Amino acid sequence: MTRVSLFSSPLLLGFDQLERLLDQASKAGDSFPPYNIERFSKADGKPEAWRITLAVAGFSKRDLEVFVADRQLMVKGRIGEDSPRDYLHRGIAGRAFSRSFVLAEGMEVTAAAMQNGLLSLDLVRLEPEPLVTHIEIEEK
C-alpha cells in the first residue's frame, strides 16, 4: 500500500525531512521524567528563548547525558549503583530514561545547569540572515 501524505504534494519540494521530524516527535511519548517548557519573549535585543526543565531527582550530573544529534535534543539518564542497597520502600524513580525534543532549524542549546534535582536546558532560535539568490537565465 502506498503511503500518501500532505508532504507528497508536487508544490512542497524537499519537505520530506519535515515529515520525518513530525514522525520522530509523535514517537516521543514516554512521560518520565516530567518536564516544563518556558518561553521568554524577545527583549533588549536578545532573541526569543526557551528553557526546558526536567525533574531528575536522585540523578547526579555524572548520571546524565545531554546532546543534540540530527536536530533532536536528547537527555539520557542512568543511575549507576555504587553498592547493593536493601530498600524497605523505593518510591523515588531511579530507572533509566531517554527523553527527546525535536528542534526547529536554527534552534541552539546555549546552557545546561542542574540545581535542586532540576536539570535546566536553555535554548535560543538564531534569526537567519535573509538569503536572496539571483538565477541567471540562459538563452538557448
N, C-alpha and C. Protein backbone atom coordinates (compact mmCIF):
# COMPACT_ATOMS: atom_id res chain seq x y z
N MET A 1 0.84 -1.17 0.00
CA MET A 1 0.00 0.00 0.00
C MET A 1 0.88 1.24 0.00
N THR A 2 0.62 2.18 -0.87
CA THR A 2 1.40 3.40 -0.98
C THR A 2 0.98 4.39 0.10
N ARG A 3 1.96 4.99 0.73
CA ARG A 3 1.69 5.97 1.78
C ARG A 3 1.55 7.35 1.15
N VAL A 4 0.42 7.99 1.38
CA VAL A 4 0.17 9.33 0.86
C VAL A 4 0.11 10.28 2.04
N SER A 5 0.78 11.41 1.91
CA SER A 5 0.77 12.39 2.99
C SER A 5 0.64 13.79 2.42
N LEU A 6 0.43 14.73 3.30
CA LEU A 6 0.35 16.14 2.91
C LEU A 6 1.62 16.57 2.20
N PHE A 7 2.76 16.01 2.59
CA PHE A 7 4.05 16.43 2.06
C PHE A 7 4.36 15.81 0.71
N SER A 8 3.45 14.99 0.14
CA SER A 8 3.69 14.39 -1.17
C SER A 8 3.20 15.30 -2.30
N SER A 9 2.72 16.50 -1.96
CA SER A 9 2.27 17.45 -2.97
C SER A 9 3.45 17.89 -3.84
N PRO A 10 3.23 18.04 -5.15
CA PRO A 10 4.34 18.49 -6.01
C PRO A 10 4.75 19.94 -5.73
N LEU A 11 3.96 20.68 -4.96
CA LEU A 11 4.30 22.06 -4.61
C LEU A 11 5.19 22.15 -3.38
N LEU A 12 5.36 21.05 -2.67
CA LEU A 12 6.18 21.04 -1.45
C LEU A 12 7.44 20.21 -1.70
N LEU A 13 8.36 20.75 -2.45
CA LEU A 13 9.58 20.03 -2.81
C LEU A 13 10.59 20.08 -1.67
N GLY A 14 11.10 18.93 -1.28
CA GLY A 14 12.15 18.86 -0.27
C GLY A 14 11.65 18.89 1.16
N PHE A 15 10.34 18.75 1.40
CA PHE A 15 9.80 18.80 2.75
C PHE A 15 9.68 17.41 3.37
N ASP A 16 10.26 16.39 2.74
CA ASP A 16 10.19 15.04 3.29
C ASP A 16 10.91 14.96 4.63
N GLN A 17 11.92 15.80 4.84
CA GLN A 17 12.62 15.83 6.13
C GLN A 17 11.69 16.34 7.23
N LEU A 18 10.82 17.29 6.93
CA LEU A 18 9.86 17.80 7.90
C LEU A 18 8.90 16.69 8.31
N GLU A 19 8.49 15.89 7.36
CA GLU A 19 7.61 14.76 7.67
C GLU A 19 8.31 13.77 8.61
N ARG A 20 9.59 13.54 8.37
CA ARG A 20 10.36 12.64 9.24
C ARG A 20 10.46 13.21 10.65
N LEU A 21 10.67 14.53 10.77
CA LEU A 21 10.74 15.17 12.09
C LEU A 21 9.41 15.07 12.83
N LEU A 22 8.30 15.22 12.13
CA LEU A 22 6.99 15.07 12.76
C LEU A 22 6.78 13.64 13.24
N ASP A 23 7.25 12.66 12.48
CA ASP A 23 7.17 11.26 12.92
C ASP A 23 7.98 11.04 14.19
N GLN A 24 9.19 11.63 14.25
CA GLN A 24 10.03 11.50 15.45
C GLN A 24 9.35 12.11 16.66
N ALA A 25 8.75 13.27 16.49
CA ALA A 25 8.10 13.95 17.61
C ALA A 25 6.91 13.16 18.12
N SER A 26 6.18 12.52 17.23
CA SER A 26 5.00 11.77 17.66
C SER A 26 5.36 10.49 18.40
N LYS A 27 6.58 9.99 18.21
CA LYS A 27 7.01 8.75 18.87
C LYS A 27 7.60 9.00 20.25
N ALA A 28 7.82 10.26 20.63
CA ALA A 28 8.41 10.58 21.93
C ALA A 28 7.30 10.71 22.96
N GLY A 29 6.68 9.59 23.35
CA GLY A 29 5.51 9.65 24.20
C GLY A 29 5.72 9.25 25.65
N ASP A 30 6.91 8.87 26.07
CA ASP A 30 7.14 8.48 27.46
C ASP A 30 6.93 9.68 28.37
N SER A 31 6.43 9.45 29.57
CA SER A 31 6.12 10.56 30.47
C SER A 31 7.16 10.72 31.59
N PHE A 32 8.27 10.01 31.54
CA PHE A 32 9.28 10.13 32.58
C PHE A 32 10.58 10.61 31.97
N PRO A 33 11.25 11.54 32.55
CA PRO A 33 10.88 12.33 33.72
C PRO A 33 9.93 13.47 33.32
N PRO A 34 9.17 13.97 34.29
CA PRO A 34 8.30 15.11 33.98
C PRO A 34 9.14 16.34 33.64
N TYR A 35 8.55 17.23 32.82
CA TYR A 35 9.31 18.41 32.40
C TYR A 35 8.39 19.60 32.19
N ASN A 36 8.97 20.78 32.19
CA ASN A 36 8.30 22.04 31.86
C ASN A 36 9.03 22.67 30.69
N ILE A 37 8.30 23.44 29.89
CA ILE A 37 8.92 24.24 28.84
C ILE A 37 8.42 25.67 29.00
N GLU A 38 9.37 26.60 29.16
CA GLU A 38 9.04 28.02 29.31
C GLU A 38 9.52 28.78 28.08
N ARG A 39 8.80 29.83 27.71
CA ARG A 39 9.23 30.69 26.61
C ARG A 39 9.48 32.08 27.15
N PHE A 40 10.59 32.68 26.73
CA PHE A 40 10.94 34.04 27.12
C PHE A 40 10.90 34.90 25.87
N SER A 41 10.12 35.96 25.88
CA SER A 41 9.97 36.85 24.73
C SER A 41 11.25 37.60 24.44
N LYS A 42 11.34 38.08 23.22
CA LYS A 42 12.48 38.90 22.83
C LYS A 42 12.50 40.15 23.69
N ALA A 43 13.67 40.50 24.17
CA ALA A 43 13.81 41.71 24.99
C ALA A 43 15.23 42.23 24.91
N ASP A 44 15.37 43.52 24.91
CA ASP A 44 16.69 44.17 24.91
C ASP A 44 17.60 43.64 23.82
N GLY A 45 17.07 43.38 22.65
CA GLY A 45 17.88 42.90 21.53
C GLY A 45 18.25 41.44 21.60
N LYS A 46 17.80 40.74 22.63
CA LYS A 46 18.09 39.31 22.76
C LYS A 46 17.05 38.52 21.97
N PRO A 47 17.44 37.38 21.39
CA PRO A 47 16.47 36.59 20.63
C PRO A 47 15.48 35.89 21.55
N GLU A 48 14.40 35.42 20.96
CA GLU A 48 13.42 34.63 21.71
C GLU A 48 14.13 33.41 22.28
N ALA A 49 13.79 33.02 23.51
CA ALA A 49 14.50 31.92 24.17
C ALA A 49 13.50 30.98 24.84
N TRP A 50 13.96 29.77 25.11
CA TRP A 50 13.17 28.75 25.79
C TRP A 50 14.01 28.11 26.88
N ARG A 51 13.34 27.56 27.88
CA ARG A 51 14.01 26.78 28.92
C ARG A 51 13.20 25.50 29.13
N ILE A 52 13.88 24.37 29.00
CA ILE A 52 13.29 23.07 29.30
C ILE A 52 13.83 22.66 30.66
N THR A 53 12.94 22.36 31.60
CA THR A 53 13.35 21.94 32.94
C THR A 53 12.82 20.54 33.19
N LEU A 54 13.73 19.61 33.48
CA LEU A 54 13.36 18.22 33.75
C LEU A 54 13.57 17.90 35.22
N ALA A 55 12.62 17.20 35.82
CA ALA A 55 12.74 16.78 37.21
C ALA A 55 13.53 15.48 37.25
N VAL A 56 14.77 15.57 37.71
CA VAL A 56 15.67 14.41 37.71
C VAL A 56 16.16 14.11 39.13
N ALA A 57 15.22 14.07 40.07
CA ALA A 57 15.57 13.78 41.47
C ALA A 57 16.27 12.43 41.56
N GLY A 58 17.35 12.39 42.31
CA GLY A 58 18.09 11.15 42.50
C GLY A 58 19.21 10.95 41.49
N PHE A 59 19.23 11.74 40.43
CA PHE A 59 20.28 11.64 39.42
C PHE A 59 21.34 12.70 39.70
N SER A 60 22.58 12.33 39.54
CA SER A 60 23.66 13.32 39.68
C SER A 60 24.11 13.73 38.27
N LYS A 61 24.97 14.71 38.23
CA LYS A 61 25.49 15.20 36.95
C LYS A 61 26.14 14.08 36.14
N ARG A 62 26.84 13.19 36.81
CA ARG A 62 27.54 12.11 36.09
C ARG A 62 26.58 11.03 35.59
N ASP A 63 25.34 11.02 36.09
CA ASP A 63 24.34 10.04 35.64
C ASP A 63 23.58 10.51 34.40
N LEU A 64 23.80 11.76 33.99
CA LEU A 64 23.04 12.36 32.90
C LEU A 64 23.91 12.64 31.70
N GLU A 65 23.30 12.55 30.52
CA GLU A 65 23.97 12.87 29.26
C GLU A 65 23.01 13.72 28.44
N VAL A 66 23.50 14.86 27.94
CA VAL A 66 22.70 15.75 27.12
C VAL A 66 23.46 15.98 25.82
N PHE A 67 22.78 15.77 24.68
CA PHE A 67 23.42 16.01 23.39
C PHE A 67 22.38 16.31 22.33
N VAL A 68 22.84 16.90 21.23
CA VAL A 68 21.98 17.18 20.08
C VAL A 68 22.52 16.38 18.91
N ALA A 69 21.63 15.62 18.27
CA ALA A 69 22.00 14.83 17.10
C ALA A 69 20.85 14.88 16.11
N ASP A 70 21.16 15.25 14.88
CA ASP A 70 20.16 15.28 13.82
C ASP A 70 18.94 16.11 14.22
N ARG A 71 19.19 17.33 14.72
CA ARG A 71 18.14 18.27 15.16
C ARG A 71 17.22 17.69 16.22
N GLN A 72 17.76 16.82 17.05
CA GLN A 72 17.00 16.25 18.15
C GLN A 72 17.81 16.40 19.43
N LEU A 73 17.22 17.10 20.43
CA LEU A 73 17.84 17.26 21.74
C LEU A 73 17.54 16.01 22.55
N MET A 74 18.56 15.32 22.99
CA MET A 74 18.39 14.08 23.75
C MET A 74 18.92 14.26 25.16
N VAL A 75 18.15 13.80 26.14
CA VAL A 75 18.58 13.78 27.53
C VAL A 75 18.43 12.34 27.99
N LYS A 76 19.54 11.75 28.40
CA LYS A 76 19.54 10.36 28.86
C LYS A 76 20.03 10.31 30.30
N GLY A 77 19.41 9.46 31.08
CA GLY A 77 19.82 9.30 32.47
C GLY A 77 19.89 7.83 32.85
N ARG A 78 20.91 7.51 33.61
CA ARG A 78 21.08 6.14 34.09
C ARG A 78 21.86 6.21 35.40
N ILE A 79 21.23 5.76 36.48
CA ILE A 79 21.88 5.79 37.78
C ILE A 79 22.75 4.55 37.92
N GLY A 80 24.02 4.79 38.22
CA GLY A 80 24.94 3.69 38.47
C GLY A 80 24.89 3.32 39.94
N GLU A 81 24.59 2.10 40.23
CA GLU A 81 24.52 1.65 41.63
C GLU A 81 25.93 1.46 42.17
N ASP A 82 26.25 2.20 43.23
CA ASP A 82 27.56 2.06 43.86
C ASP A 82 27.66 0.75 44.62
N SER A 83 26.65 0.47 45.39
CA SER A 83 26.63 -0.77 46.17
C SER A 83 25.18 -1.24 46.27
N PRO A 84 24.96 -2.53 46.40
CA PRO A 84 23.58 -3.00 46.52
C PRO A 84 22.96 -2.47 47.81
N ARG A 85 21.72 -2.04 47.71
CA ARG A 85 21.02 -1.49 48.87
C ARG A 85 19.81 -2.35 49.16
N ASP A 86 19.42 -2.38 50.42
CA ASP A 86 18.26 -3.13 50.87
C ASP A 86 17.15 -2.14 51.18
N TYR A 87 16.33 -1.81 50.18
CA TYR A 87 15.25 -0.84 50.35
C TYR A 87 14.06 -1.49 51.05
N LEU A 88 13.48 -0.80 52.01
CA LEU A 88 12.21 -1.22 52.60
C LEU A 88 11.07 -0.67 51.75
N HIS A 89 11.29 0.52 51.19
CA HIS A 89 10.34 1.12 50.26
C HIS A 89 11.14 1.96 49.28
N ARG A 90 10.86 1.83 48.00
CA ARG A 90 11.57 2.64 47.00
C ARG A 90 10.54 3.40 46.16
N GLY A 91 10.33 4.66 46.50
CA GLY A 91 9.35 5.49 45.83
C GLY A 91 9.97 6.50 44.88
N ILE A 92 11.27 6.72 44.97
CA ILE A 92 11.95 7.65 44.08
C ILE A 92 12.41 6.86 42.86
N ALA A 93 11.86 7.25 41.71
CA ALA A 93 12.19 6.53 40.48
C ALA A 93 13.67 6.70 40.16
N GLY A 94 14.33 5.63 39.94
CA GLY A 94 15.74 5.67 39.58
C GLY A 94 15.98 4.93 38.29
N ARG A 95 14.92 4.70 37.53
CA ARG A 95 15.07 3.93 36.29
C ARG A 95 15.74 4.78 35.22
N ALA A 96 16.35 4.09 34.31
CA ALA A 96 16.99 4.77 33.18
C ALA A 96 15.90 5.41 32.32
N PHE A 97 16.25 6.52 31.69
CA PHE A 97 15.29 7.18 30.81
C PHE A 97 16.00 7.80 29.62
N SER A 98 15.22 8.07 28.61
CA SER A 98 15.69 8.79 27.43
C SER A 98 14.55 9.70 26.99
N ARG A 99 14.78 10.99 27.03
CA ARG A 99 13.75 11.98 26.66
C ARG A 99 14.29 12.76 25.47
N SER A 100 13.48 12.93 24.43
CA SER A 100 13.95 13.67 23.26
C SER A 100 12.99 14.80 22.90
N PHE A 101 13.56 15.85 22.33
CA PHE A 101 12.81 17.01 21.87
C PHE A 101 13.30 17.32 20.46
N VAL A 102 12.40 17.41 19.50
CA VAL A 102 12.77 17.76 18.14
C VAL A 102 12.93 19.27 18.06
N LEU A 103 14.07 19.71 17.54
CA LEU A 103 14.38 21.14 17.46
C LEU A 103 14.13 21.68 16.06
N ALA A 104 13.57 22.87 15.98
CA ALA A 104 13.39 23.53 14.69
C ALA A 104 14.76 23.97 14.17
N GLU A 105 14.81 24.23 12.89
CA GLU A 105 16.05 24.70 12.30
C GLU A 105 16.44 26.03 12.92
N GLY A 106 17.70 26.18 13.28
CA GLY A 106 18.19 27.40 13.90
C GLY A 106 18.16 27.39 15.42
N MET A 107 17.52 26.37 16.02
CA MET A 107 17.48 26.28 17.49
C MET A 107 18.84 25.79 17.98
N GLU A 108 19.29 26.39 19.07
CA GLU A 108 20.60 26.05 19.62
C GLU A 108 20.52 25.97 21.14
N VAL A 109 21.12 24.93 21.72
CA VAL A 109 21.19 24.80 23.18
C VAL A 109 22.36 25.66 23.64
N THR A 110 22.08 26.60 24.54
CA THR A 110 23.13 27.54 24.98
C THR A 110 23.68 27.22 26.36
N ALA A 111 22.91 26.49 27.19
CA ALA A 111 23.39 26.21 28.55
C ALA A 111 22.63 25.03 29.13
N ALA A 112 23.28 24.35 30.06
CA ALA A 112 22.66 23.28 30.83
C ALA A 112 23.13 23.44 32.28
N ALA A 113 22.18 23.40 33.21
CA ALA A 113 22.52 23.57 34.63
C ALA A 113 21.63 22.67 35.46
N MET A 114 22.17 22.24 36.60
CA MET A 114 21.42 21.37 37.49
C MET A 114 21.41 21.99 38.88
N GLN A 115 20.19 22.09 39.47
CA GLN A 115 20.06 22.65 40.81
C GLN A 115 18.82 22.05 41.46
N ASN A 116 19.00 21.55 42.68
CA ASN A 116 17.90 21.01 43.48
C ASN A 116 17.10 19.93 42.75
N GLY A 117 17.77 19.04 42.04
CA GLY A 117 17.10 17.94 41.36
C GLY A 117 16.41 18.32 40.07
N LEU A 118 16.67 19.54 39.57
CA LEU A 118 16.08 20.00 38.31
C LEU A 118 17.20 20.29 37.31
N LEU A 119 17.06 19.71 36.12
CA LEU A 119 18.01 19.96 35.04
C LEU A 119 17.37 20.98 34.11
N SER A 120 18.03 22.14 33.94
CA SER A 120 17.52 23.20 33.07
C SER A 120 18.37 23.30 31.83
N LEU A 121 17.72 23.34 30.67
CA LEU A 121 18.38 23.47 29.38
C LEU A 121 17.87 24.75 28.72
N ASP A 122 18.77 25.67 28.41
CA ASP A 122 18.39 26.93 27.78
C ASP A 122 18.62 26.84 26.28
N LEU A 123 17.64 27.33 25.51
CA LEU A 123 17.70 27.30 24.06
C LEU A 123 17.36 28.66 23.49
N VAL A 124 17.93 28.97 22.33
CA VAL A 124 17.58 30.17 21.58
C VAL A 124 17.40 29.78 20.11
N ARG A 125 16.60 30.60 19.43
CA ARG A 125 16.49 30.43 17.98
C ARG A 125 17.21 31.61 17.35
N LEU A 126 18.30 31.32 16.65
CA LEU A 126 19.06 32.36 15.99
C LEU A 126 18.34 32.76 14.71
N GLU A 127 18.18 34.05 14.51
CA GLU A 127 17.50 34.55 13.32
C GLU A 127 18.46 34.46 12.13
N PRO A 128 18.07 33.72 11.09
CA PRO A 128 18.95 33.63 9.92
C PRO A 128 18.89 34.92 9.09
N GLU A 129 19.99 35.21 8.46
CA GLU A 129 20.02 36.35 7.56
C GLU A 129 19.21 35.99 6.31
N PRO A 130 18.38 36.91 5.85
CA PRO A 130 17.61 36.62 4.63
C PRO A 130 18.56 36.38 3.46
N LEU A 131 18.31 35.34 2.72
CA LEU A 131 19.19 34.95 1.63
C LEU A 131 18.42 35.09 0.32
N VAL A 132 18.92 35.93 -0.55
CA VAL A 132 18.32 36.10 -1.88
C VAL A 132 19.38 35.69 -2.90
N THR A 133 19.02 34.75 -3.75
CA THR A 133 19.93 34.29 -4.79
C THR A 133 19.30 34.56 -6.14
N HIS A 134 20.00 35.29 -6.97
CA HIS A 134 19.51 35.56 -8.32
C HIS A 134 20.02 34.46 -9.26
N ILE A 135 19.12 33.96 -10.08
CA ILE A 135 19.43 32.89 -11.02
C ILE A 135 19.49 33.49 -12.41
N GLU A 136 20.63 33.32 -13.05
CA GLU A 136 20.79 33.80 -14.41
C GLU A 136 20.02 32.89 -15.35
N ILE A 137 19.34 33.50 -16.30
CA ILE A 137 18.58 32.75 -17.30
C ILE A 137 19.43 32.67 -18.56
N GLU A 138 19.69 31.45 -18.97
CA GLU A 138 20.47 31.24 -20.21
C GLU A 138 19.54 31.29 -21.41
N GLU A 139 20.05 31.81 -22.46
CA GLU A 139 19.29 31.80 -23.70
C GLU A 139 19.85 30.71 -24.57
N LYS A 140 18.99 29.82 -25.06
CA LYS A 140 19.45 28.69 -25.88
C LYS A 140 18.93 28.77 -27.27
